[in-house]
Amino acid sequence: MKVGKIVNIECKCGFLLFRYFKAGKGRIIKCFVQRMENDFVGLEGMETHAKPICPNCAKDLGIMMMIRGQLALKLNQGTIKPIRI
């Protein structure tokens, strides 16, 4: 099992987007859908190149991409509250 911790990813408006298992250190730049605990945005069934938005303030969260063969959300850093581990 990998070492890490579960962090809350929030929009700048304060809306909880999802809880994510963060492995390693540093900023959160991409979030693999497979590592999400509670998804309040509905990222699970999205296609690649989709651009999910915050359900509360309608800001663009980033873009869905295939990274190392897994579906991930490449985050728009200006939309989420900064988190560093």
Protein backbone atom coordinates (compact mmCIF):
# COMPACT_ATOMS: atom_id res chain seq x y z
CA MET A 1 0.00 0.00 0.00
CA LYS A 2 1.23 3.47 -0.88
CA VAL A 3 1.95 6.05 1.79
CA GLY A 4 0.01 9.29 1.65
CA LYS A 5 -3.01 11.02 3.07
CA ILE A 6 -6.53 12.03 2.12
CA VAL A 7 -7.00 15.75 1.48
CA ASN A 8 -10.07 17.86 0.75
CA ILE A 9 -9.94 19.61 -2.63
CA GLU A 10 -12.03 22.78 -2.50
CA CYS A 11 -12.92 25.47 -5.00
CA LYS A 12 -11.94 29.03 -4.09
CA CYS A 13 -15.64 29.70 -3.46
CA GLY A 14 -15.44 27.17 -0.59
CA PHE A 15 -17.35 24.29 -2.23
CA LEU A 16 -15.90 20.83 -1.45
CA LEU A 17 -15.20 19.27 -4.87
CA PHE A 18 -13.81 15.89 -3.80
CA ARG A 19 -11.59 14.10 -1.30
CA TYR A 20 -8.35 12.82 -2.80
CA PHE A 21 -5.65 10.34 -1.75
CA LYS A 22 -2.41 12.33 -2.16
CA ALA A 23 0.73 10.21 -2.41
CA GLY A 24 4.09 11.96 -2.09
CA LYS A 25 4.92 15.59 -1.45
CA GLY A 26 4.38 18.87 -3.25
CA ARG A 27 1.50 20.66 -4.91
CA ILE A 28 -1.51 18.88 -6.34
CA ILE A 29 -1.33 19.36 -10.10
CA LYS A 30 -3.32 16.38 -11.35
CA CYS A 31 -5.85 14.16 -9.62
CA PHE A 32 -6.34 10.58 -10.76
CA VAL A 33 -10.05 9.66 -10.75
CA GLN A 34 -9.18 6.24 -9.33
CA ARG A 35 -7.76 7.84 -6.13
CA MET A 36 -10.82 10.01 -5.38
CA GLU A 37 -12.80 9.14 -2.26
CA ASN A 38 -15.93 11.32 -2.43
CA ASP A 39 -16.61 12.93 -5.80
CA PHE A 40 -19.13 15.78 -5.53
CA VAL A 41 -18.57 16.99 -9.12
CA GLY A 42 -19.26 13.77 -11.08
CA LEU A 43 -15.80 13.23 -12.59
CA GLU A 44 -16.13 9.42 -12.57
CA GLY A 45 -17.94 9.08 -15.91
CA MET A 46 -16.41 12.01 -17.80
CA GLU A 47 -14.62 11.60 -21.12
CA THR A 48 -11.12 12.82 -21.93
CA HIS A 49 -10.87 16.53 -22.85
CA ALA A 50 -14.07 17.30 -20.90
CA LYS A 51 -13.86 20.46 -18.79
CA PRO A 52 -15.67 19.99 -15.47
CA ILE A 53 -17.00 23.04 -13.63
CA CYS A 54 -17.68 23.83 -9.97
CA PRO A 55 -21.37 23.09 -9.23
CA ASN A 56 -21.49 26.14 -6.93
CA CYS A 57 -19.81 29.00 -8.87
CA ALA A 58 -19.43 27.45 -12.39
CA LYS A 59 -15.65 28.07 -12.60
CA ASP A 60 -13.54 25.83 -14.84
CA LEU A 61 -11.73 23.20 -12.72
CA GLY A 62 -9.34 21.94 -15.39
CA ILE A 63 -9.35 19.31 -18.13
CA MET A 64 -9.79 15.53 -18.07
CA MET A 65 -6.77 13.73 -19.58
CA MET A 66 -5.27 10.28 -19.88
CA ILE A 67 -2.04 10.35 -17.84
CA ARG A 68 0.05 7.17 -17.67
CA GLY A 69 -2.97 5.19 -18.90
CA GLN A 70 -5.32 6.47 -16.19
CA LEU A 71 -8.06 9.09 -16.35
CA ALA A 72 -7.03 12.21 -14.42
CA LEU A 73 -8.14 15.79 -13.87
CA LYS A 74 -5.34 18.23 -14.72
CA LEU A 75 -6.24 21.04 -12.33
CA ASN A 76 -6.64 24.70 -13.16
CA GLN A 77 -4.53 26.11 -10.30
CA GLY A 78 -6.42 29.42 -10.21
CA THR A 79 -9.71 27.71 -9.35
CA ILE A 80 -8.85 25.53 -6.36
CA LYS A 81 -7.63 26.46 -2.90
CA PRO A 82 -3.87 25.86 -2.71
CA ILE A 83 -2.82 22.69 -0.87
CA ARG A 84 0.77 21.62 -0.25
CA ILE A 85 1.92 18.49 1.51
